[in-house]
């Protein structure tokens, strides 16, 4: 087994085709196929199953794919660390963002890299907070922003900011008042994320403690889709002011603070607890923390 074989295998698996992978890797397809066959022979396992539309991973292939991605990422990190003595950080870094943060941070993050880290390469992936922590633990992502993370030995977190959870209603159909007691949520049909979502866990934990029976009208995990449903009169949502700001149409909603008790969604910056930090990593963490905190302050300015 060698790194080139792993690189070829990963690329074929990602695109699902030997011919497409050969083009992307700028190599002849027979040579690519030969290297993958040598890898299968060495491991004594079939890794890729050919179909009428290309190739798919076998069970053995799926297991190797996770290891191969992590190995190649560590190799890239090693190259970055060896270049750490240079004045200007170089290398590649992968940042994970929740969709609500990706919508408002992707552009300023790219601009920040262009201005401060022009020799570095940036990759941004979006996913639920639970997925981002898994990706960091496996080495597929270097640093990420996560909401209300559960404790994990493989992950180090530092707080960025917290935002109060609010009841979000259509601007033209909300009841008067600036605040809503948590117990009053029982009267509102809710558009709410599925159970693995961080905000869903916060709401349901408090509902159990307060013995409040929630009306779940629709289960939708995408924050933008949730707000589209609220805006169209299909229910109400429990989100942060920042999520409403990120929608691009904050004037379309009435946002009222929850009280008795107040609930918060807490944003953390997450990194691996086992990987050493490179100069590029430290610069990227500083930039991401700066932009996220600035975004948190802006979000507090949405009118109730």
C-alpha atoms as a PDB file:
ATOM      1  CA  UNK A   1       0.000   0.000   0.000  1.00  0.00           C
ATOM      2  CA  UNK A   2       1.289   3.497  -0.820  1.00  0.00           C
ATOM      3  CA  UNK A   3      -0.018   7.040  -0.772  1.00  0.00           C
ATOM      4  CA  UNK A   4      -0.549   7.226  -4.524  1.00  0.00           C
ATOM      5  CA  UNK A   5      -2.755   4.128  -4.417  1.00  0.00           C
ATOM      6  CA  UNK A   6      -4.772   5.641  -1.565  1.00  0.00           C
ATOM      7  CA  UNK A   7      -5.094   8.931  -3.438  1.00  0.00           C
ATOM      8  CA  UNK A   8      -6.284   7.161  -6.597  1.00  0.00           C
ATOM      9  CA  UNK A   9      -8.731   5.008  -4.624  1.00  0.00           C
ATOM     10  CA  UNK A  10     -10.215   8.006  -2.782  1.00  0.00           C
ATOM     11  CA  UNK A  11     -10.668  10.020  -5.950  1.00  0.00           C
ATOM     12  CA  UNK A  12     -12.371   7.132  -7.796  1.00  0.00           C
ATOM     13  CA  UNK A  13     -14.659   6.592  -4.799  1.00  0.00           C
ATOM     14  CA  UNK A  14     -15.527  10.300  -4.605  1.00  0.00           C
ATOM     15  CA  UNK A  15     -16.505  10.665  -8.277  1.00  0.00           C
ATOM     16  CA  UNK A  16     -17.815   7.117  -8.740  1.00  0.00           C
ATOM     17  CA  UNK A  17     -15.961   6.547 -12.001  1.00  0.00           C
ATOM     18  CA  UNK A  18     -12.494   5.448 -13.143  1.00  0.00           C
ATOM     19  CA  UNK A  19     -12.692   7.566 -16.289  1.00  0.00           C
ATOM     20  CA  UNK A  20     -13.689  10.764 -14.440  1.00  0.00           C
ATOM     21  CA  UNK A  21     -11.037  10.181 -11.791  1.00  0.00           C
ATOM     22  CA  UNK A  22      -8.380   9.668 -14.481  1.00  0.00           C
ATOM     23  CA  UNK A  23      -9.225  13.071 -15.970  1.00  0.00           C
ATOM     24  CA  UNK A  24      -9.134  14.789 -12.572  1.00  0.00           C
ATOM     25  CA  UNK A  25      -5.838  13.128 -11.664  1.00  0.00           C
ATOM     26  CA  UNK A  26      -4.371  13.749 -15.131  1.00  0.00           C
ATOM     27  CA  UNK A  27      -3.331  10.119 -15.526  1.00  0.00           C
ATOM     28  CA  UNK A  28      -4.135   7.294 -17.927  1.00  0.00           C
ATOM     29  CA  UNK A  29      -7.150   5.197 -16.951  1.00  0.00           C
ATOM     30  CA  UNK A  30      -5.293   1.840 -17.324  1.00  0.00           C
ATOM     31  CA  UNK A  31      -2.590   3.058 -14.931  1.00  0.00           C
ATOM     32  CA  UNK A  32      -5.240   4.230 -12.481  1.00  0.00           C
ATOM     33  CA  UNK A  33      -7.087   0.904 -12.642  1.00  0.00           C
ATOM     34  CA  UNK A  34      -3.830  -1.017 -12.179  1.00  0.00           C
ATOM     35  CA  UNK A  35      -2.940   0.897  -9.007  1.00  0.00           C
ATOM     36  CA  UNK A  36      -6.375   0.273  -7.506  1.00  0.00           C
ATOM     37  CA  UNK A  37      -6.141  -3.447  -8.373  1.00  0.00           C
ATOM     38  CA  UNK A  38      -2.719  -3.606  -6.682  1.00  0.00           C
ATOM     39  CA  UNK A  39      -4.244  -2.023  -3.598  1.00  0.00           C
ATOM     40  CA  UNK A  40      -7.058  -4.587  -3.576  1.00  0.00           C
ATOM     41  CA  UNK A  41      -4.534  -7.404  -4.020  1.00  0.00           C
ATOM     42  CA  UNK A  42      -2.388  -6.117  -1.188  1.00  0.00           C
ATOM     43  CA  UNK A  43      -5.390  -5.856   1.155  1.00  0.00           C
ATOM     44  CA  UNK A  44      -7.000  -9.056  -0.148  1.00  0.00           C
ATOM     45  CA  UNK A  45     -10.347  -7.310  -0.435  1.00  0.00           C
ATOM     46  CA  UNK A  46     -12.639  -6.000  -3.179  1.00  0.00           C
ATOM     47  CA  UNK A  47     -12.932  -2.261  -2.588  1.00  0.00           C
ATOM     48  CA  UNK A  48     -14.972  -1.056  -5.560  1.00  0.00           C
ATOM     49  CA  UNK A  49     -17.967  -2.750  -7.184  1.00  0.00           C
ATOM     50  CA  UNK A  50     -18.537  -1.919 -10.847  1.00  0.00           C
ATOM     51  CA  UNK A  51     -22.116  -1.082 -11.906  1.00  0.00           C
ATOM     52  CA  UNK A  52     -23.735   0.089 -15.108  1.00  0.00           C
ATOM     53  CA  UNK A  53     -23.278   3.701 -13.978  1.00  0.00           C
ATOM     54  CA  UNK A  54     -19.737   3.504 -12.626  1.00  0.00           C
ATOM     55  CA  UNK A  55     -18.405   2.124  -9.352  1.00  0.00           C
ATOM     56  CA  UNK A  56     -19.623   2.048  -5.746  1.00  0.00           C
ATOM     57  CA  UNK A  57     -17.808   1.216  -2.540  1.00  0.00           C
ATOM     58  CA  UNK A  58     -18.104  -2.244  -1.064  1.00  0.00           C
ATOM     59  CA  UNK A  59     -18.321  -2.637   2.713  1.00  0.00           C
ATOM     60  CA  UNK A  60     -14.548  -3.113   2.843  1.00  0.00           C
ATOM     61  CA  UNK A  61     -14.151  -0.091   0.575  1.00  0.00           C
ATOM     62  CA  UNK A  62     -16.253   2.070   2.887  1.00  0.00           C
ATOM     63  CA  UNK A  63     -14.053   1.173   5.838  1.00  0.00           C
ATOM     64  CA  UNK A  64     -10.857   1.889   3.926  1.00  0.00           C
ATOM     65  CA  UNK A  65     -12.243   5.149   2.531  1.00  0.00           C
ATOM     66  CA  UNK A  66     -12.579   6.659   6.029  1.00  0.00           C
ATOM     67  CA  UNK A  67      -9.001   5.659   6.885  1.00  0.00           C
ATOM     68  CA  UNK A  68      -7.621   6.806   3.534  1.00  0.00           C
ATOM     69  CA  UNK A  69      -9.181  10.268   3.761  1.00  0.00           C
ATOM     70  CA  UNK A  70      -7.759  10.730   7.254  1.00  0.00           C
ATOM     71  CA  UNK A  71      -4.313   9.459   6.183  1.00  0.00           C
ATOM     72  CA  UNK A  72      -4.121  11.791   3.180  1.00  0.00           C
ATOM     73  CA  UNK A  73      -5.264  14.676   5.337  1.00  0.00           C
ATOM     74  CA  UNK A  74      -2.520  13.940   7.874  1.00  0.00           C
ATOM     75  CA  UNK A  75       0.061  13.825   5.084  1.00  0.00           C
ATOM     76  CA  UNK A  76      -1.081  17.249   3.882  1.00  0.00           C
ATOM     77  CA  UNK A  77      -0.889  18.499   7.467  1.00  0.00           C
ATOM     78  CA  UNK A  78       2.650  17.133   7.771  1.00  0.00           C
ATOM     79  CA  UNK A  79       3.686  19.104   4.696  1.00  0.00           C
ATOM     80  CA  UNK A  80       2.125  22.206   6.231  1.00  0.00           C
ATOM     81  CA  UNK A  81       3.994  21.670   9.501  1.00  0.00           C
ATOM     82  CA  UNK A  82       7.311  21.266   7.682  1.00  0.00           C
ATOM     83  CA  UNK A  83       6.723  24.623   5.990  1.00  0.00           C
ATOM     84  CA  UNK A  84       5.908  26.266   9.317  1.00  0.00           C
ATOM     85  CA  UNK A  85       9.288  27.967   9.502  1.00  0.00           C
ATOM     86  CA  UNK A  86       8.377  30.301   6.693  1.00  0.00           C
ATOM     87  CA  UNK A  87       7.179  33.793   7.579  1.00  0.00           C
ATOM     88  CA  UNK A  88       3.875  33.400   5.754  1.00  0.00           C
ATOM     89  CA  UNK A  89       1.688  30.361   6.618  1.00  0.00           C
ATOM     90  CA  UNK A  90       1.101  27.966   3.756  1.00  0.00           C
ATOM     91  CA  UNK A  91      -0.826  24.751   3.271  1.00  0.00           C
ATOM     92  CA  UNK A  92      -4.467  23.749   3.233  1.00  0.00           C
ATOM     93  CA  UNK A  93      -7.045  23.967   5.994  1.00  0.00           C
ATOM     94  CA  UNK A  94     -10.617  22.640   6.108  1.00  0.00           C
ATOM     95  CA  UNK A  95     -13.230  24.636   8.041  1.00  0.00           C
ATOM     96  CA  UNK A  96     -16.610  23.199   9.032  1.00  0.00           C
ATOM     97  CA  UNK A  97     -19.608  25.505   9.455  1.00  0.00           C
ATOM     98  CA  UNK A  98     -23.268  24.935  10.353  1.00  0.00           C
ATOM     99  CA  UNK A  99     -25.508  26.043   7.454  1.00  0.00           C
ATOM    100  CA  UNK A 100     -26.773  29.112   9.333  1.00  0.00           C
ATOM    101  CA  UNK A 101     -23.174  30.242   9.875  1.00  0.00           C
ATOM    102  CA  UNK A 102     -21.995  29.270   6.418  1.00  0.00           C
ATOM    103  CA  UNK A 103     -24.529  31.619   4.868  1.00  0.00           C
ATOM    104  CA  UNK A 104     -23.020  34.682   6.567  1.00  0.00           C
ATOM    105  CA  UNK A 105     -19.389  33.679   7.172  1.00  0.00           C
ATOM    106  CA  UNK A 106     -18.263  32.055   3.908  1.00  0.00           C
ATOM    107  CA  UNK A 107     -17.698  35.324   2.022  1.00  0.00           C
ATOM    108  CA  UNK A 108     -15.865  37.198   4.825  1.00  0.00           C
ATOM    109  CA  UNK A 109     -13.807  34.075   5.599  1.00  0.00           C
ATOM    110  CA  UNK A 110     -12.676  33.766   1.981  1.00  0.00           C
ATOM    111  CA  UNK A 111     -11.923  37.502   1.878  1.00  0.00           C
ATOM    112  CA  UNK A 112      -9.955  37.219   5.121  1.00  0.00           C
ATOM    113  CA  UNK A 113      -7.831  34.402   3.696  1.00  0.00           C
ATOM    114  CA  UNK A 114      -7.163  36.387   0.532  1.00  0.00           C
ATOM    115  CA  UNK A 115      -5.986  39.378   2.569  1.00  0.00           C
ATOM    116  CA  UNK A 116      -4.149  37.725   5.476  1.00  0.00           C
ATOM    117  CA  UNK A 117      -3.191  34.261   4.249  1.00  0.00           C
ATOM    118  CA  UNK A 118      -2.773  34.569   0.467  1.00  0.00           C
ATOM    119  CA  UNK A 119      -0.474  31.529   0.210  1.00  0.00           C
ATOM    120  CA  UNK A 120      -2.840  29.233   2.104  1.00  0.00           C
ATOM    121  CA  UNK A 121      -5.675  27.167   0.649  1.00  0.00           C
ATOM    122  CA  UNK A 122      -9.095  27.136   2.276  1.00  0.00           C
ATOM    123  CA  UNK A 123     -11.837  24.521   2.000  1.00  0.00           C
ATOM    124  CA  UNK A 124     -15.246  25.071   3.624  1.00  0.00           C
ATOM    125  CA  UNK A 125     -17.745  22.297   4.318  1.00  0.00           C
ATOM    126  CA  UNK A 126     -21.210  22.682   5.840  1.00  0.00           C
ATOM    127  CA  UNK A 127     -23.036  20.260   8.092  1.00  0.00           C
ATOM    128  CA  UNK A 128     -24.915  19.827  11.343  1.00  0.00           C
ATOM    129  CA  UNK A 129     -22.832  20.409  14.471  1.00  0.00           C
ATOM    130  CA  UNK A 130     -22.854  16.683  15.309  1.00  0.00           C
ATOM    131  CA  UNK A 131     -21.401  15.900  11.882  1.00  0.00           C
ATOM    132  CA  UNK A 132     -18.740  18.595  12.147  1.00  0.00           C
ATOM    133  CA  UNK A 133     -17.447  17.231  15.470  1.00  0.00           C
ATOM    134  CA  UNK A 134     -17.274  13.740  13.927  1.00  0.00           C
ATOM    135  CA  UNK A 135     -15.318  15.109  10.963  1.00  0.00           C
ATOM    136  CA  UNK A 136     -12.864  16.895  13.269  1.00  0.00           C
ATOM    137  CA  UNK A 137     -12.367  13.756  15.362  1.00  0.00           C
ATOM    138  CA  UNK A 138     -11.678  11.690  12.216  1.00  0.00           C
ATOM    139  CA  UNK A 139      -9.295  14.269  10.747  1.00  0.00           C
ATOM    140  CA  UNK A 140     -11.431  15.262   7.759  1.00  0.00           C
ATOM    141  CA  UNK A 141     -11.958  18.800   9.109  1.00  0.00           C
ATOM    142  CA  UNK A 142      -9.362  20.928  10.937  1.00  0.00           C
ATOM    143  CA  UNK A 143     -11.503  23.479  12.748  1.00  0.00           C
ATOM    144  CA  UNK A 144     -15.218  24.190  12.937  1.00  0.00           C
ATOM    145  CA  UNK A 145     -17.995  26.146  14.574  1.00  0.00           C
ATOM    146  CA  UNK A 146     -20.500  23.984  16.437  1.00  0.00           C
ATOM    147  CA  UNK A 147     -23.679  24.670  18.395  1.00  0.00           C
ATOM    148  CA  UNK A 148     -24.217  23.199  21.872  1.00  0.00           C
ATOM    149  CA  UNK A 149     -21.685  20.370  21.387  1.00  0.00           C
ATOM    150  CA  UNK A 150     -21.760  17.277  23.552  1.00  0.00           C
ATOM    151  CA  UNK A 151     -18.573  16.499  25.469  1.00  0.00           C
ATOM    152  CA  UNK A 152     -16.020  14.407  23.545  1.00  0.00           C
ATOM    153  CA  UNK A 153     -12.463  13.473  24.528  1.00  0.00           C
ATOM    154  CA  UNK A 154     -11.224  13.894  20.958  1.00  0.00           C
ATOM    155  CA  UNK A 155     -12.520  17.462  20.624  1.00  0.00           C
ATOM    156  CA  UNK A 156     -11.411  20.692  22.296  1.00  0.00           C
ATOM    157  CA  UNK A 157     -13.902  23.567  22.340  1.00  0.00           C
ATOM    158  CA  UNK A 158     -13.770  27.220  23.300  1.00  0.00           C
ATOM    159  CA  UNK A 159     -16.838  29.459  23.610  1.00  0.00           C
ATOM    160  CA  UNK A 160     -17.460  32.062  20.928  1.00  0.00           C
ATOM    161  CA  UNK A 161     -20.788  33.596  21.937  1.00  0.00           C
ATOM    162  CA  UNK A 162     -24.252  32.675  23.109  1.00  0.00           C
ATOM    163  CA  UNK A 163     -27.606  33.851  21.780  1.00  0.00           C
ATOM    164  CA  UNK A 164     -31.007  33.655  23.386  1.00  0.00           C
ATOM    165  CA  UNK A 165     -33.582  31.445  21.717  1.00  0.00           C
ATOM    166  CA  UNK A 166     -36.647  33.300  20.513  1.00  0.00           C
ATOM    167  CA  UNK A 167     -40.088  32.557  19.138  1.00  0.00           C
ATOM    168  CA  UNK A 168     -40.072  33.496  15.462  1.00  0.00           C
ATOM    169  CA  UNK A 169     -43.458  34.280  13.881  1.00  0.00           C
ATOM    170  CA  UNK A 170     -44.674  35.914  10.655  1.00  0.00           C
ATOM    171  CA  UNK A 171     -44.403  39.689  10.961  1.00  0.00           C
ATOM    172  CA  UNK A 172     -48.087  40.217  10.135  1.00  0.00           C
ATOM    173  CA  UNK A 173     -49.521  37.433  12.277  1.00  0.00           C
ATOM    174  CA  UNK A 174     -47.764  37.601  15.643  1.00  0.00           C
ATOM    175  CA  UNK A 175     -49.497  38.321  18.923  1.00  0.00           C
ATOM    176  CA  UNK A 176     -48.521  41.554  20.721  1.00  0.00           C
ATOM    177  CA  UNK A 177     -45.762  41.616  23.297  1.00  0.00           C
ATOM    178  CA  UNK A 178     -41.971  41.431  23.310  1.00  0.00           C
ATOM    179  CA  UNK A 179     -41.592  38.193  25.294  1.00  0.00           C
ATOM    180  CA  UNK A 180     -43.187  34.766  25.479  1.00  0.00           C
ATOM    181  CA  UNK A 181     -43.043  32.415  28.456  1.00  0.00           C
ATOM    182  CA  UNK A 182     -41.726  28.976  27.639  1.00  0.00           C
ATOM    183  CA  UNK A 183     -44.969  27.346  28.835  1.00  0.00           C
ATOM    184  CA  UNK A 184     -46.872  29.368  26.216  1.00  0.00           C
ATOM    185  CA  UNK A 185     -45.117  27.447  23.432  1.00  0.00           C
ATOM    186  CA  UNK A 186     -47.737  24.733  23.924  1.00  0.00           C
ATOM    187  CA  UNK A 187     -50.214  27.026  22.149  1.00  0.00           C
ATOM    188  CA  UNK A 188     -48.099  27.450  19.001  1.00  0.00           C
ATOM    189  CA  UNK A 189     -47.766  24.970  16.107  1.00  0.00           C
ATOM    190  CA  UNK A 190     -44.007  24.652  15.723  1.00  0.00           C
ATOM    191  CA  UNK A 191     -41.724  24.142  12.756  1.00  0.00           C
ATOM    192  CA  UNK A 192     -38.854  22.349  14.464  1.00  0.00           C
ATOM    193  CA  UNK A 193     -35.660  20.501  13.439  1.00  0.00           C
ATOM    194  CA  UNK A 194     -35.287  16.723  13.660  1.00  0.00           C
ATOM    195  CA  UNK A 195     -34.057  15.185  16.903  1.00  0.00           C
ATOM    196  CA  UNK A 196     -30.297  15.231  16.255  1.00  0.00           C
ATOM    197  CA  UNK A 197     -30.309  19.015  15.815  1.00  0.00           C
ATOM    198  CA  UNK A 198     -28.703  20.958  18.695  1.00  0.00           C
ATOM    199  CA  UNK A 199     -31.595  23.411  19.126  1.00  0.00           C
ATOM    200  CA  UNK A 200     -34.149  20.570  19.124  1.00  0.00           C
ATOM    201  CA  UNK A 201     -32.308  18.956  22.044  1.00  0.00           C
ATOM    202  CA  UNK A 202     -32.310  22.209  24.037  1.00  0.00           C
ATOM    203  CA  UNK A 203     -36.032  22.780  23.478  1.00  0.00           C
ATOM    204  CA  UNK A 204     -37.124  19.226  24.234  1.00  0.00           C
ATOM    205  CA  UNK A 205     -34.982  18.969  27.361  1.00  0.00           C
ATOM    206  CA  UNK A 206     -36.623  22.094  28.758  1.00  0.00           C
ATOM    207  CA  UNK A 207     -40.087  20.949  27.672  1.00  0.00           C
ATOM    208  CA  UNK A 208     -39.570  17.733  29.645  1.00  0.00           C
ATOM    209  CA  UNK A 209     -38.416  19.648  32.725  1.00  0.00           C
ATOM    210  CA  UNK A 210     -41.321  22.107  32.477  1.00  0.00           C
ATOM    211  CA  UNK A 211     -43.858  19.416  31.542  1.00  0.00           C
ATOM    212  CA  UNK A 212     -44.846  21.355  28.442  1.00  0.00           C
ATOM    213  CA  UNK A 213     -46.337  19.400  25.534  1.00  0.00           C
ATOM    214  CA  UNK A 214     -45.105  20.896  22.290  1.00  0.00           C
ATOM    215  CA  UNK A 215     -47.155  21.027  19.092  1.00  0.00           C
ATOM    216  CA  UNK A 216     -44.782  19.797  16.405  1.00  0.00           C
ATOM    217  CA  UNK A 217     -46.462  20.795  13.146  1.00  0.00           C
ATOM    218  CA  UNK A 218     -43.512  20.162  10.812  1.00  0.00           C
ATOM    219  CA  UNK A 219     -40.046  18.652  11.243  1.00  0.00           C
ATOM    220  CA  UNK A 220     -37.564  20.436   8.995  1.00  0.00           C
ATOM    221  CA  UNK A 221     -33.822  20.538   9.696  1.00  0.00           C
ATOM    222  CA  UNK A 222     -32.807  23.324   7.314  1.00  0.00           C
ATOM    223  CA  UNK A 223     -33.013  26.684   9.080  1.00  0.00           C
ATOM    224  CA  UNK A 224     -33.760  28.559   5.865  1.00  0.00           C
ATOM    225  CA  UNK A 225     -36.548  26.109   5.010  1.00  0.00           C
ATOM    226  CA  UNK A 226     -37.954  26.512   8.523  1.00  0.00           C
ATOM    227  CA  UNK A 227     -38.068  30.277   8.101  1.00  0.00           C
ATOM    228  CA  UNK A 228     -39.680  29.948   4.667  1.00  0.00           C
ATOM    229  CA  UNK A 229     -42.480  27.917   6.261  1.00  0.00           C
ATOM    230  CA  UNK A 230     -42.899  30.442   9.075  1.00  0.00           C
ATOM    231  CA  UNK A 231     -42.956  33.305   6.605  1.00  0.00           C
ATOM    232  CA  UNK A 232     -45.682  31.495   4.634  1.00  0.00           C
ATOM    233  CA  UNK A 233     -47.850  31.051   7.730  1.00  0.00           C
ATOM    234  CA  UNK A 234     -47.296  27.327   8.332  1.00  0.00           C
ATOM    235  CA  UNK A 235     -46.226  27.692  11.949  1.00  0.00           C
ATOM    236  CA  UNK A 236     -43.705  29.268  14.316  1.00  0.00           C
ATOM    237  CA  UNK A 237     -40.047  28.432  15.007  1.00  0.00           C
ATOM    238  CA  UNK A 238     -37.711  28.619  17.981  1.00  0.00           C
ATOM    239  CA  UNK A 239     -34.432  30.012  16.691  1.00  0.00           C
ATOM    240  CA  UNK A 240     -31.851  32.682  17.444  1.00  0.00           C
ATOM    241  CA  UNK A 241     -31.927  36.240  16.182  1.00  0.00           C
ATOM    242  CA  UNK A 242     -28.797  35.405  14.224  1.00  0.00           C
ATOM    243  CA  UNK A 243     -30.646  32.763  12.237  1.00  0.00           C
ATOM    244  CA  UNK A 244     -33.316  35.306  11.334  1.00  0.00           C
ATOM    245  CA  UNK A 245     -30.671  37.829  10.294  1.00  0.00           C
ATOM    246  CA  UNK A 246     -28.974  35.212   8.104  1.00  0.00           C
ATOM    247  CA  UNK A 247     -32.231  34.670   6.206  1.00  0.00           C
ATOM    248  CA  UNK A 248     -31.716  38.018   4.459  1.00  0.00           C
ATOM    249  CA  UNK A 249     -35.315  39.072   5.247  1.00  0.00           C
ATOM    250  CA  UNK A 250     -35.458  39.883   8.983  1.00  0.00           C
ATOM    251  CA  UNK A 251     -38.293  42.357   8.378  1.00  0.00           C
ATOM    252  CA  UNK A 252     -40.555  39.450   7.411  1.00  0.00           C
ATOM    253  CA  UNK A 253     -40.551  38.075  10.968  1.00  0.00           C
ATOM    254  CA  UNK A 254     -41.581  39.019  14.487  1.00  0.00           C
ATOM    255  CA  UNK A 255     -38.934  37.856  16.950  1.00  0.00           C
ATOM    256  CA  UNK A 256     -39.862  37.593  20.653  1.00  0.00           C
ATOM    257  CA  UNK A 257     -37.579  36.483  23.468  1.00  0.00           C
ATOM    258  CA  UNK A 258     -38.433  33.353  25.435  1.00  0.00           C
ATOM    259  CA  UNK A 259     -38.509  33.707  29.221  1.00  0.00           C
ATOM    260  CA  UNK A 260     -39.262  31.667  32.336  1.00  0.00           C
ATOM    261  CA  UNK A 261     -36.761  30.235  31.662  1.00  0.00           C
ATOM    262  CA  UNK A 262     -34.564  31.857  29.089  1.00  0.00           C
ATOM    263  CA  UNK A 263     -32.865  29.381  26.783  1.00  0.00           C
ATOM    264  CA  UNK A 264     -29.622  29.877  24.919  1.00  0.00           C
ATOM    265  CA  UNK A 265     -27.910  28.450  21.883  1.00  0.00           C
ATOM    266  CA  UNK A 266     -24.161  28.497  22.488  1.00  0.00           C
ATOM    267  CA  UNK A 267     -21.619  28.594  19.679  1.00  0.00           C
ATOM    268  CA  UNK A 268     -18.196  27.026  20.192  1.00  0.00           C
ATOM    269  CA  UNK A 269     -15.043  26.790  18.119  1.00  0.00           C
ATOM    270  CA  UNK A 270     -13.945  23.143  17.927  1.00  0.00           C
ATOM    271  CA  UNK A 271     -10.555  21.647  17.099  1.00  0.00           C
ATOM    272  CA  UNK A 272      -8.913  18.259  17.505  1.00  0.00           C
ATOM    273  CA  UNK A 273      -7.580  17.467  20.974  1.00  0.00           C
ATOM    274  CA  UNK A 274      -4.843  15.241  19.533  1.00  0.00           C
ATOM    275  CA  UNK A 275      -3.434  17.063  16.492  1.00  0.00           C
ATOM    276  CA  UNK A 276      -0.714  19.690  17.061  1.00  0.00           C
ATOM    277  CA  UNK A 277      -1.594  23.173  15.888  1.00  0.00           C
ATOM    278  CA  UNK A 278       0.360  24.637  12.960  1.00  0.00           C
ATOM    279  CA  UNK A 279       0.964  28.358  12.311  1.00  0.00           C
ATOM    280  CA  UNK A 280      -1.716  28.213   9.617  1.00  0.00           C
ATOM    281  CA  UNK A 281      -4.122  26.641  12.082  1.00  0.00           C
ATOM    282  CA  UNK A 282      -3.500  29.372  14.651  1.00  0.00           C
ATOM    283  CA  UNK A 283      -4.057  32.129  12.078  1.00  0.00           C
ATOM    284  CA  UNK A 284      -7.230  30.448  10.816  1.00  0.00           C
ATOM    285  CA  UNK A 285      -8.604  30.012  14.341  1.00  0.00           C
ATOM    286  CA  UNK A 286      -7.981  33.683  15.138  1.00  0.00           C
ATOM    287  CA  UNK A 287      -9.689  34.811  11.933  1.00  0.00           C
ATOM    288  CA  UNK A 288     -12.668  32.489  12.389  1.00  0.00           C
ATOM    289  CA  UNK A 289     -13.127  33.544  16.022  1.00  0.00           C
ATOM    290  CA  UNK A 290     -12.954  37.229  15.057  1.00  0.00           C
ATOM    291  CA  UNK A 291     -15.520  36.913  12.265  1.00  0.00           C
ATOM    292  CA  UNK A 292     -17.895  34.746  14.324  1.00  0.00           C
ATOM    293  CA  UNK A 293     -17.900  37.162  17.272  1.00  0.00           C
ATOM    294  CA  UNK A 294     -18.487  40.105  14.951  1.00  0.00           C
ATOM    295  CA  UNK A 295     -21.417  38.252  13.441  1.00  0.00           C
ATOM    296  CA  UNK A 296     -22.774  37.539  16.939  1.00  0.00           C
ATOM    297  CA  UNK A 297     -22.732  41.234  17.821  1.00  0.00           C
ATOM    298  CA  UNK A 298     -24.516  42.128  14.584  1.00  0.00           C
ATOM    299  CA  UNK A 299     -27.217  39.542  15.268  1.00  0.00           C
ATOM    300  CA  UNK A 300     -28.162  41.220  18.541  1.00  0.00           C
ATOM    301  CA  UNK A 301     -29.358  44.282  16.622  1.00  0.00           C
ATOM    302  CA  UNK A 302     -32.487  42.660  15.159  1.00  0.00           C
ATOM    303  CA  UNK A 303     -35.543  44.457  16.489  1.00  0.00           C
ATOM    304  CA  UNK A 304     -38.135  42.488  18.435  1.00  0.00           C
END
